[in-house]
Amino acid sequence: MTLLSVENARQRLLSQAAPVVACETIALDQALGRILGDDVIATRAVPPADNSAMDGFAVRSNDVVIGKPLAIHQIIPAGSPG
């Protein structure tokens, strides 16, 4: 596999791109395979409050030492701001 330079990849992408020249409003079930031509703005917040969908840990590689436990510095309950 041959790697492309960033500039070469950029040129390839731009050579295949075309500007959106017209927009139309269509039903969502007709939108498959179409290109979004404008921003989509939600009419309400979903979810209505800040909430994390996942539990987990954030770890910096510099803090990892093989065979040594990691210290927990902060516990943030689900739904609480971090």
PDB file of N, CA and C in Angstrom:
ATOM      1  N   MET A   1       0.846  -1.172   0.000  1.00  0.00           N
ATOM      2  CA  MET A   1       0.000   0.000   0.000  1.00  0.00           C
ATOM      3  C   MET A   1       0.897   1.242   0.000  1.00  0.00           C
ATOM      4  N   THR A   2       0.620   2.164  -0.886  1.00  0.00           N
ATOM      5  CA  THR A   2       1.393   3.394  -0.979  1.00  0.00           C
ATOM      6  C   THR A   2       0.686   4.496  -0.194  1.00  0.00           C
ATOM      7  N   LEU A   3       1.420   5.161   0.683  1.00  0.00           N
ATOM      8  CA  LEU A   3       0.848   6.250   1.457  1.00  0.00           C
ATOM      9  C   LEU A   3       0.866   7.533   0.648  1.00  0.00           C
ATOM     10  N   LEU A   4      -0.182   8.340   0.805  1.00  0.00           N
ATOM     11  CA  LEU A   4      -0.266   9.630   0.132  1.00  0.00           C
ATOM     12  C   LEU A   4       0.185  10.730   1.082  1.00  0.00           C
ATOM     13  N   SER A   5       0.753  11.763   0.520  1.00  0.00           N
ATOM     14  CA  SER A   5       1.040  12.936   1.342  1.00  0.00           C
ATOM     15  C   SER A   5      -0.291  13.619   1.652  1.00  0.00           C
ATOM     16  N   VAL A   6      -0.306  14.449   2.669  1.00  0.00           N
ATOM     17  CA  VAL A   6      -1.520  15.178   3.023  1.00  0.00           C
ATOM     18  C   VAL A   6      -1.965  16.037   1.847  1.00  0.00           C
ATOM     19  N   GLU A   7      -1.041  16.715   1.212  1.00  0.00           N
ATOM     20  CA  GLU A   7      -1.392  17.589   0.088  1.00  0.00           C
ATOM     21  C   GLU A   7      -1.948  16.791  -1.085  1.00  0.00           C
ATOM     22  N   ASN A   8      -1.358  15.634  -1.381  1.00  0.00           N
ATOM     23  CA  ASN A   8      -1.856  14.802  -2.472  1.00  0.00           C
ATOM     24  C   ASN A   8      -3.263  14.306  -2.156  1.00  0.00           C
ATOM     25  N   ALA A   9      -3.492  13.866  -0.936  1.00  0.00           N
ATOM     26  CA  ALA A   9      -4.820  13.401  -0.534  1.00  0.00           C
ATOM     27  C   ALA A   9      -5.830  14.543  -0.622  1.00  0.00           C
ATOM     28  N   ARG A  10      -5.430  15.725  -0.189  1.00  0.00           N
ATOM     29  CA  ARG A  10      -6.300  16.907  -0.257  1.00  0.00           C
ATOM     30  C   ARG A  10      -6.671  17.217  -1.697  1.00  0.00           C
ATOM     31  N   GLN A  11      -5.688  17.193  -2.585  1.00  0.00           N
ATOM     32  CA  GLN A  11      -5.950  17.471  -3.997  1.00  0.00           C
ATOM     33  C   GLN A  11      -6.889  16.436  -4.604  1.00  0.00           C
ATOM     34  N   ARG A  12      -6.717  15.176  -4.246  1.00  0.00           N
ATOM     35  CA  ARG A  12      -7.609  14.124  -4.757  1.00  0.00           C
ATOM     36  C   ARG A  12      -9.048  14.348  -4.302  1.00  0.00           C
ATOM     37  N   LEU A  13      -9.187  14.674  -3.024  1.00  0.00           N
ATOM     38  CA  LEU A  13     -10.534  14.926  -2.503  1.00  0.00           C
ATOM     39  C   LEU A  13     -11.183  16.124  -3.181  1.00  0.00           C
ATOM     40  N   LEU A  14     -10.441  17.222  -3.272  1.00  0.00           N
ATOM     41  CA  LEU A  14     -11.001  18.428  -3.864  1.00  0.00           C
ATOM     42  C   LEU A  14     -11.315  18.262  -5.345  1.00  0.00           C
ATOM     43  N   SER A  15     -10.567  17.421  -6.049  1.00  0.00           N
ATOM     44  CA  SER A  15     -10.831  17.211  -7.477  1.00  0.00           C
ATOM     45  C   SER A  15     -12.153  16.476  -7.700  1.00  0.00           C
ATOM     46  N   GLN A  16     -12.629  15.761  -6.683  1.00  0.00           N
ATOM     47  CA  GLN A  16     -13.889  15.023  -6.795  1.00  0.00           C
ATOM     48  C   GLN A  16     -15.073  15.784  -6.186  1.00  0.00           C
ATOM     49  N   ALA A  17     -14.793  16.885  -5.513  1.00  0.00           N
ATOM     50  CA  ALA A  17     -15.846  17.638  -4.826  1.00  0.00           C
ATOM     51  C   ALA A  17     -16.502  18.628  -5.776  1.00  0.00           C
ATOM     52  N   ALA A  18     -17.785  18.828  -5.565  1.00  0.00           N
ATOM     53  CA  ALA A  18     -18.523  19.827  -6.338  1.00  0.00           C
ATOM     54  C   ALA A  18     -19.380  20.625  -5.359  1.00  0.00           C
ATOM     55  N   PRO A  19     -19.526  21.914  -5.598  1.00  0.00           N
ATOM     56  CA  PRO A  19     -20.331  22.718  -4.677  1.00  0.00           C
ATOM     57  C   PRO A  19     -21.810  22.350  -4.769  1.00  0.00           C
ATOM     58  N   VAL A  20     -22.522  22.527  -3.662  1.00  0.00           N
ATOM     59  CA  VAL A  20     -23.972  22.356  -3.666  1.00  0.00           C
ATOM     60  C   VAL A  20     -24.554  23.598  -4.326  1.00  0.00           C
ATOM     61  N   VAL A  21     -25.299  23.414  -5.415  1.00  0.00           N
ATOM     62  CA  VAL A  21     -25.815  24.570  -6.161  1.00  0.00           C
ATOM     63  C   VAL A  21     -27.274  24.867  -5.851  1.00  0.00           C
ATOM     64  N   ALA A  22     -27.997  23.905  -5.298  1.00  0.00           N
ATOM     65  CA  ALA A  22     -29.402  24.135  -4.962  1.00  0.00           C
ATOM     66  C   ALA A  22     -29.778  23.251  -3.782  1.00  0.00           C
ATOM     67  N   CYS A  23     -30.697  23.742  -2.972  1.00  0.00           N
ATOM     68  CA  CYS A  23     -31.192  22.971  -1.834  1.00  0.00           C
ATOM     69  C   CYS A  23     -32.686  22.748  -2.001  1.00  0.00           C
ATOM     70  N   GLU A  24     -33.156  21.641  -1.483  1.00  0.00           N
ATOM     71  CA  GLU A  24     -34.588  21.364  -1.469  1.00  0.00           C
ATOM     72  C   GLU A  24     -34.933  20.708  -0.149  1.00  0.00           C
ATOM     73  N   THR A  25     -36.166  20.842   0.270  1.00  0.00           N
ATOM     74  CA  THR A  25     -36.637  20.211   1.492  1.00  0.00           C
ATOM     75  C   THR A  25     -37.365  18.933   1.105  1.00  0.00           C
ATOM     76  N   ILE A  26     -36.926  17.819   1.695  1.00  0.00           N
ATOM     77  CA  ILE A  26     -37.547  16.524   1.404  1.00  0.00           C
ATOM     78  C   ILE A  26     -37.820  15.793   2.708  1.00  0.00           C
ATOM     79  N   ALA A  27     -38.655  14.783   2.648  1.00  0.00           N
ATOM     80  CA  ALA A  27     -38.954  13.973   3.828  1.00  0.00           C
ATOM     81  C   ALA A  27     -37.720  13.174   4.216  1.00  0.00           C
ATOM     82  N   LEU A  28     -37.563  12.926   5.498  1.00  0.00           N
ATOM     83  CA  LEU A  28     -36.403  12.202   5.998  1.00  0.00           C
ATOM     84  C   LEU A  28     -36.268  10.832   5.346  1.00  0.00           C
ATOM     85  N   ASP A  29     -37.383  10.144   5.128  1.00  0.00           N
ATOM     86  CA  ASP A  29     -37.302   8.806   4.535  1.00  0.00           C
ATOM     87  C   ASP A  29     -36.890   8.834   3.063  1.00  0.00           C
ATOM     88  N   GLN A  30     -36.792  10.013   2.479  1.00  0.00           N
ATOM     89  CA  GLN A  30     -36.327  10.160   1.099  1.00  0.00           C
ATOM     90  C   GLN A  30     -34.881  10.654   1.028  1.00  0.00           C
ATOM     91  N   ALA A  31     -34.242  10.825   2.186  1.00  0.00           N
ATOM     92  CA  ALA A  31     -32.931  11.467   2.239  1.00  0.00           C
ATOM     93  C   ALA A  31     -31.744  10.526   2.087  1.00  0.00           C
ATOM     94  N   LEU A  32     -31.971   9.213   2.057  1.00  0.00           N
ATOM     95  CA  LEU A  32     -30.861   8.267   1.946  1.00  0.00           C
ATOM     96  C   LEU A  32     -30.057   8.528   0.674  1.00  0.00           C
ATOM     97  N   GLY A  33     -28.745   8.673   0.832  1.00  0.00           N
ATOM     98  CA  GLY A  33     -27.867   8.898  -0.310  1.00  0.00           C
ATOM     99  C   GLY A  33     -27.779  10.344  -0.759  1.00  0.00           C
ATOM    100  N   ARG A  34     -28.478  11.229  -0.076  1.00  0.00           N
ATOM    101  CA  ARG A  34     -28.467  12.645  -0.435  1.00  0.00           C
ATOM    102  C   ARG A  34     -27.379  13.367   0.349  1.00  0.00           C
ATOM    103  N   ILE A  35     -27.065  14.582  -0.043  1.00  0.00           N
ATOM    104  CA  ILE A  35     -26.052  15.412   0.611  1.00  0.00           C
ATOM    105  C   ILE A  35     -26.760  16.527   1.360  1.00  0.00           C
ATOM    106  N   LEU A  36     -26.377  16.710   2.625  1.00  0.00           N
ATOM    107  CA  LEU A  36     -26.953  17.784   3.424  1.00  0.00           C
ATOM    108  C   LEU A  36     -26.390  19.113   2.946  1.00  0.00           C
ATOM    109  N   GLY A  37     -27.258  20.035   2.567  1.00  0.00           N
ATOM    110  CA  GLY A  37     -26.814  21.303   2.009  1.00  0.00           C
ATOM    111  C   GLY A  37     -26.881  22.464   2.970  1.00  0.00           C
ATOM    112  N   ASP A  38     -27.355  22.236   4.192  1.00  0.00           N
ATOM    113  CA  ASP A  38     -27.471  23.315   5.159  1.00  0.00           C
ATOM    114  C   ASP A  38     -27.409  22.716   6.564  1.00  0.00           C
ATOM    115  N   ASP A  39     -27.250  23.574   7.557  1.00  0.00           N
ATOM    116  CA  ASP A  39     -27.202  23.105   8.936  1.00  0.00           C
ATOM    117  C   ASP A  39     -28.559  22.543   9.353  1.00  0.00           C
ATOM    118  N   VAL A  40     -28.530  21.543  10.216  1.00  0.00           N
ATOM    119  CA  VAL A  40     -29.741  21.014  10.827  1.00  0.00           C
ATOM    120  C   VAL A  40     -29.776  21.541  12.256  1.00  0.00           C
ATOM    121  N   ILE A  41     -30.858  22.192  12.609  1.00  0.00           N
ATOM    122  CA  ILE A  41     -30.998  22.783  13.936  1.00  0.00           C
ATOM    123  C   ILE A  41     -32.111  22.042  14.676  1.00  0.00           C
ATOM    124  N   ALA A  42     -31.789  21.500  15.846  1.00  0.00           N
ATOM    125  CA  ALA A  42     -32.785  20.792  16.649  1.00  0.00           C
ATOM    126  C   ALA A  42     -33.764  21.792  17.250  1.00  0.00           C
ATOM    127  N   THR A  43     -35.032  21.425  17.286  1.00  0.00           N
ATOM    128  CA  THR A  43     -36.046  22.304  17.875  1.00  0.00           C
ATOM    129  C   THR A  43     -36.097  22.179  19.390  1.00  0.00           C
ATOM    130  N   ARG A  44     -35.480  21.117  19.931  1.00  0.00           N
ATOM    131  CA  ARG A  44     -35.400  20.952  21.386  1.00  0.00           C
ATOM    132  C   ARG A  44     -34.143  20.154  21.719  1.00  0.00           C
ATOM    133  N   ALA A  45     -33.681  20.306  22.953  1.00  0.00           N
ATOM    134  CA  ALA A  45     -32.472  19.607  23.388  1.00  0.00           C
ATOM    135  C   ALA A  45     -32.789  18.138  23.658  1.00  0.00           C
ATOM    136  N   VAL A  46     -31.977  17.256  23.123  1.00  0.00           N
ATOM    137  CA  VAL A  46     -32.130  15.819  23.373  1.00  0.00           C
ATOM    138  C   VAL A  46     -30.760  15.265  23.705  1.00  0.00           C
ATOM    139  N   PRO A  47     -30.520  14.734  24.891  1.00  0.00           N
ATOM    140  CA  PRO A  47     -31.431  14.705  26.033  1.00  0.00           C
ATOM    141  C   PRO A  47     -31.621  16.107  26.605  1.00  0.00           C
ATOM    142  N   PRO A  48     -32.666  16.305  27.412  1.00  0.00           N
ATOM    143  CA  PRO A  48     -32.956  17.641  27.925  1.00  0.00           C
ATOM    144  C   PRO A  48     -31.982  18.128  28.997  1.00  0.00           C
ATOM    145  N   ALA A  49     -31.078  17.268  29.464  1.00  0.00           N
ATOM    146  CA  ALA A  49     -30.078  17.653  30.464  1.00  0.00           C
ATOM    147  C   ALA A  49     -28.743  17.031  30.072  1.00  0.00           C
ATOM    148  N   ASP A  50     -27.656  17.637  30.535  1.00  0.00           N
ATOM    149  CA  ASP A  50     -26.337  17.060  30.273  1.00  0.00           C
ATOM    150  C   ASP A  50     -26.289  15.660  30.858  1.00  0.00           C
ATOM    151  N   ASN A  51     -25.844  14.695  30.066  1.00  0.00           N
ATOM    152  CA  ASN A  51     -25.825  13.316  30.531  1.00  0.00           C
ATOM    153  C   ASN A  51     -24.804  12.540  29.712  1.00  0.00           C
ATOM    154  N   SER A  52     -24.039  11.731  30.378  1.00  0.00           N
ATOM    155  CA  SER A  52     -23.072  10.884  29.693  1.00  0.00           C
ATOM    156  C   SER A  52     -23.708   9.536  29.421  1.00  0.00           C
ATOM    157  N   ALA A  53     -23.532   9.028  28.203  1.00  0.00           N
ATOM    158  CA  ALA A  53     -24.113   7.735  27.847  1.00  0.00           C
ATOM    159  C   ALA A  53     -23.213   6.578  28.253  1.00  0.00           C
ATOM    160  N   MET A  54     -21.989   6.853  28.635  1.00  0.00           N
ATOM    161  CA  MET A  54     -21.033   5.784  28.922  1.00  0.00           C
ATOM    162  C   MET A  54     -20.318   6.023  30.248  1.00  0.00           C
ATOM    163  N   ASP A  55     -19.983   4.932  30.891  1.00  0.00           N
ATOM    164  CA  ASP A  55     -19.074   4.986  32.028  1.00  0.00           C
ATOM    165  C   ASP A  55     -17.672   4.788  31.476  1.00  0.00           C
ATOM    166  N   GLY A  56     -16.683   5.166  32.229  1.00  0.00           N
ATOM    167  CA  GLY A  56     -15.341   4.897  31.743  1.00  0.00           C
ATOM    168  C   GLY A  56     -14.280   5.593  32.560  1.00  0.00           C
ATOM    169  N   PHE A  57     -13.073   5.426  32.114  1.00  0.00           N
ATOM    170  CA  PHE A  57     -11.916   6.022  32.753  1.00  0.00           C
ATOM    171  C   PHE A  57     -11.116   6.770  31.702  1.00  0.00           C
ATOM    172  N   ALA A  58     -10.559   7.894  32.088  1.00  0.00           N
ATOM    173  CA  ALA A  58      -9.615   8.607  31.235  1.00  0.00           C
ATOM    174  C   ALA A  58      -8.225   8.326  31.787  1.00  0.00           C
ATOM    175  N   VAL A  59      -7.324   7.880  30.930  1.00  0.00           N
ATOM    176  CA  VAL A  59      -5.979   7.496  31.365  1.00  0.00           C
ATOM    177  C   VAL A  59      -4.960   8.127  30.428  1.00  0.00           C
ATOM    178  N   ARG A  60      -3.959   8.763  31.006  1.00  0.00           N
ATOM    179  CA  ARG A  60      -2.835   9.267  30.214  1.00  0.00           C
ATOM    180  C   ARG A  60      -1.772   8.184  30.161  1.00  0.00           C
ATOM    181  N   SER A  61      -1.225   7.950  29.000  1.00  0.00           N
ATOM    182  CA  SER A  61      -0.228   6.881  28.863  1.00  0.00           C
ATOM    183  C   SER A  61       0.985   7.117  29.756  1.00  0.00           C
ATOM    184  N   ASN A  62       1.321   8.382  30.021  1.00  0.00           N
ATOM    185  CA  ASN A  62       2.466   8.675  30.896  1.00  0.00           C
ATOM    186  C   ASN A  62       2.226   8.225  32.336  1.00  0.00           C
ATOM    187  N   ASP A  63       0.945   8.040  32.716  1.00  0.00           N
ATOM    188  CA  ASP A  63       0.619   7.618  34.076  1.00  0.00           C
ATOM    189  C   ASP A  63       0.636   6.104  34.246  1.00  0.00           C
ATOM    190  N   VAL A  64       0.766   5.365  33.155  1.00  0.00           N
ATOM    191  CA  VAL A  64       0.683   3.902  33.212  1.00  0.00           C
ATOM    192  C   VAL A  64       2.063   3.300  33.439  1.00  0.00           C
ATOM    193  N   VAL A  65       2.177   2.508  34.495  1.00  0.00           N
ATOM    194  CA  VAL A  65       3.388   1.747  34.779  1.00  0.00           C
ATOM    195  C   VAL A  65       2.948   0.293  34.899  1.00  0.00           C
ATOM    196  N   ILE A  66       3.521  -0.574  34.063  1.00  0.00           N
ATOM    197  CA  ILE A  66       3.135  -1.979  34.060  1.00  0.00           C
ATOM    198  C   ILE A  66       3.288  -2.569  35.461  1.00  0.00           C
ATOM    199  N   GLY A  67       2.242  -3.241  35.929  1.00  0.00           N
ATOM    200  CA  GLY A  67       2.282  -3.911  37.225  1.00  0.00           C
ATOM    201  C   GLY A  67       1.915  -3.035  38.406  1.00  0.00           C
ATOM    202  N   LYS A  68       1.637  -1.743  38.187  1.00  0.00           N
ATOM    203  CA  LYS A  68       1.266  -0.854  39.289  1.00  0.00           C
ATOM    204  C   LYS A  68      -0.172  -0.382  39.091  1.00  0.00           C
ATOM    205  N   PRO A  69      -0.951  -0.340  40.178  1.00  0.00           N
ATOM    206  CA  PRO A  69      -2.336   0.131  40.053  1.00  0.00           C
ATOM    207  C   PRO A  69      -2.387   1.633  39.774  1.00  0.00           C
ATOM    208  N   LEU A  70      -3.441   2.046  39.097  1.00  0.00           N
ATOM    209  CA  LEU A  70      -3.653   3.469  38.835  1.00  0.00           C
ATOM    210  C   LEU A  70      -4.456   4.077  39.976  1.00  0.00           C
ATOM    211  N   ALA A  71      -4.127   5.293  40.355  1.00  0.00           N
ATOM    212  CA  ALA A  71      -4.878   5.997  41.392  1.00  0.00           C
ATOM    213  C   ALA A  71      -6.117   6.634  40.764  1.00  0.00           C
ATOM    214  N   ILE A  72      -7.244   6.581  41.472  1.00  0.00           N
ATOM    215  CA  ILE A  72      -8.460   7.260  41.027  1.00  0.00           C
ATOM    216  C   ILE A  72      -8.456   8.640  41.665  1.00  0.00           C
ATOM    217  N   HIS A  73      -8.453   9.677  40.833  1.00  0.00           N
ATOM    218  CA  HIS A  73      -8.345  11.042  41.331  1.00  0.00           C
ATOM    219  C   HIS A  73      -9.691  11.716  41.509  1.00  0.00           C
ATOM    220  N   GLN A  74     -10.701  11.274  40.763  1.00  0.00           N
ATOM    221  CA  GLN A  74     -12.001  11.916  40.851  1.00  0.00           C
ATOM    222  C   GLN A  74     -13.080  10.911  40.464  1.00  0.00           C
ATOM    223  N   ILE A  75     -14.171  10.903  41.209  1.00  0.00           N
ATOM    224  CA  ILE A  75     -15.331  10.080  40.876  1.00  0.00           C
ATOM    225  C   ILE A  75     -16.471  11.037  40.545  1.00  0.00           C
ATOM    226  N   ILE A  76     -17.053  10.885  39.368  1.00  0.00           N
ATOM    227  CA  ILE A  76     -18.150  11.742  38.935  1.00  0.00           C
ATOM    228  C   ILE A  76     -19.376  10.860  38.725  1.00  0.00           C
ATOM    229  N   PRO A  77     -20.405  10.991  39.565  1.00  0.00           N
ATOM    230  CA  PRO A  77     -21.604  10.168  39.397  1.00  0.00           C
ATOM    231  C   PRO A  77     -22.292  10.446  38.056  1.00  0.00           C
ATOM    232  N   ALA A  78     -22.984   9.444  37.521  1.00  0.00           N
ATOM    233  CA  ALA A  78     -23.700   9.593  36.256  1.00  0.00           C
ATOM    234  C   ALA A  78     -24.652  10.778  36.334  1.00  0.00           C
ATOM    235  N   GLY A  79     -24.670  11.578  35.286  1.00  0.00           N
ATOM    236  CA  GLY A  79     -25.549  12.734  35.219  1.00  0.00           C
ATOM    237  C   GLY A  79     -25.000  13.983  35.862  1.00  0.00           C
ATOM    238  N   SER A  80     -23.858  13.880  36.534  1.00  0.00           N
ATOM    239  CA  SER A  80     -23.255  15.046  37.177  1.00  0.00           C
ATOM    240  C   SER A  80     -22.301  15.732  36.213  1.00  0.00           C
ATOM    241  N   PRO A  81     -22.179  17.055  36.306  1.00  0.00           N
ATOM    242  CA  PRO A  81     -21.194  17.729  35.454  1.00  0.00           C
ATOM    243  C   PRO A  81     -19.784  17.344  35.877  1.00  0.00           C
ATOM    244  N   GLY A  82     -18.901  17.223  34.920  1.00  0.00           N
ATOM    245  CA  GLY A  82     -17.546  16.790  35.216  1.00  0.00           C
ATOM    246  C   GLY A  82     -16.658  17.923  35.517  1.00  0.00           C
TER     247      GLY A  82
END
